[in-house]
Protein backbone atom coordinates (compact mmCIF):
# COMPACT_ATOMS: atom_id res chain seq x y z
CA MET A 1 31.27 26.03 13.86
CA SER A 2 29.09 28.00 11.04
CA SER A 3 30.19 30.22 8.79
CA SER A 4 28.51 33.03 6.43
CA THR A 5 29.96 34.11 2.82
CA PHE A 6 30.58 37.27 1.61
CA ILE A 7 31.62 39.65 -1.30
CA VAL A 8 34.44 42.20 -0.94
CA THR A 9 34.30 44.69 -3.52
CA PHE A 10 37.24 47.07 -4.24
CA LYS A 11 37.46 50.21 -6.10
CA ARG A 12 38.60 49.74 -9.77
CA ASP A 13 41.84 51.32 -9.07
CA THR A 14 42.99 49.68 -6.24
CA PRO A 15 46.58 48.05 -6.56
CA GLN A 16 46.41 44.53 -6.55
CA ASP A 17 48.58 44.35 -3.36
CA VAL A 18 46.52 46.08 -1.22
CA ILE A 19 43.69 44.02 -1.85
CA ASP A 20 46.19 40.90 -1.29
CA LYS A 21 47.12 42.37 1.61
CA HIS A 22 43.82 42.49 2.87
CA MET A 23 42.99 39.00 1.98
CA GLU A 24 45.81 37.74 4.05
CA GLU A 25 44.14 39.80 6.70
CA ALA A 26 41.46 38.00 6.62
CA LYS A 27 43.03 34.67 6.49
CA SER A 28 44.98 35.54 9.63
CA LYS A 29 41.29 35.78 11.80
CA GLY A 30 40.19 32.29 10.28
CA CYS A 31 38.65 33.32 7.06
CA LYS A 32 38.71 31.02 3.67
CA ILE A 33 39.38 32.92 0.42
CA ASN A 34 36.91 31.13 -1.51
CA HIS A 35 37.54 33.46 -4.82
CA VAL A 36 39.25 36.16 -6.38
CA TYR A 37 37.30 38.62 -8.60
CA LYS A 38 40.08 40.27 -11.34
CA THR A 39 38.08 41.01 -14.43
CA THR A 40 34.66 43.13 -14.46
CA THR A 41 34.95 43.51 -10.60
CA LYS A 42 38.03 43.77 -8.02
CA GLY A 43 37.54 41.88 -5.07
CA TYR A 44 36.76 37.96 -3.31
CA SER A 45 34.82 35.90 -1.83
CA VAL A 46 35.18 34.98 1.68
CA GLU A 47 33.80 32.22 4.25
CA VAL A 48 33.79 33.79 7.81
CA PRO A 49 33.34 31.82 10.90
CA ASP A 50 30.59 33.26 12.49
CA ASP A 51 32.70 34.58 15.75
CA ALA A 52 34.83 36.07 13.32
CA VAL A 53 32.13 38.37 11.43
CA ASN A 54 33.92 41.40 12.76
CA SER A 55 36.91 40.43 11.19
CA LEU A 56 36.28 42.13 7.99
CA SER A 57 37.82 45.47 8.15
CA MET A 58 36.27 48.40 6.06
CA HIS A 59 38.98 50.16 4.12
CA GLU A 60 39.56 53.55 2.21
CA ASN A 61 39.42 51.26 -1.05
CA ILE A 62 36.32 48.69 -0.28
CA VAL A 63 33.48 49.63 -1.86
CA ALA A 64 31.05 47.27 0.06
CA ILE A 65 31.12 43.66 1.93
CA GLU A 66 27.62 42.44 1.23
CA ALA A 67 25.89 38.88 2.23
CA ASP A 68 26.85 36.19 -0.66
CA GLY A 69 23.54 35.04 -1.81
CA GLU A 70 21.24 33.60 -4.93
CA VAL A 71 20.92 36.33 -7.96
CA THR A 72 18.40 35.97 -10.45
CA THR A 73 17.89 37.45 -13.95
CA GLN A 74 13.82 36.79 -13.75
CA GLY A 75 11.57 38.37 -11.02
CA LYS A 76 9.34 36.04 -8.86
CA ALA A 77 5.66 36.94 -9.86
CA LEU A 78 3.95 38.26 -6.54
CA LEU A 79 0.35 38.33 -7.67
CA LYS A 80 -1.27 34.73 -9.02
CA GLN A 81 -3.07 35.00 -12.35
């Protein structure tokens, strides 16, 4: 079974118990928590089976649920020099 990885980001003032509850709900639906973020941002990385993608529910404290991907600090040149 294939899966996708997402980053779930919460508002800075979200209590940790609210985040913990959201993670438990995700795990109960077959998701795997990969990493929990608590310093510069609040949230977690989660691996979601493709047939359970809709199990990541929005919550009033969630800022975003985004597909995880590679981030670089250098842009790629689009034009040949």
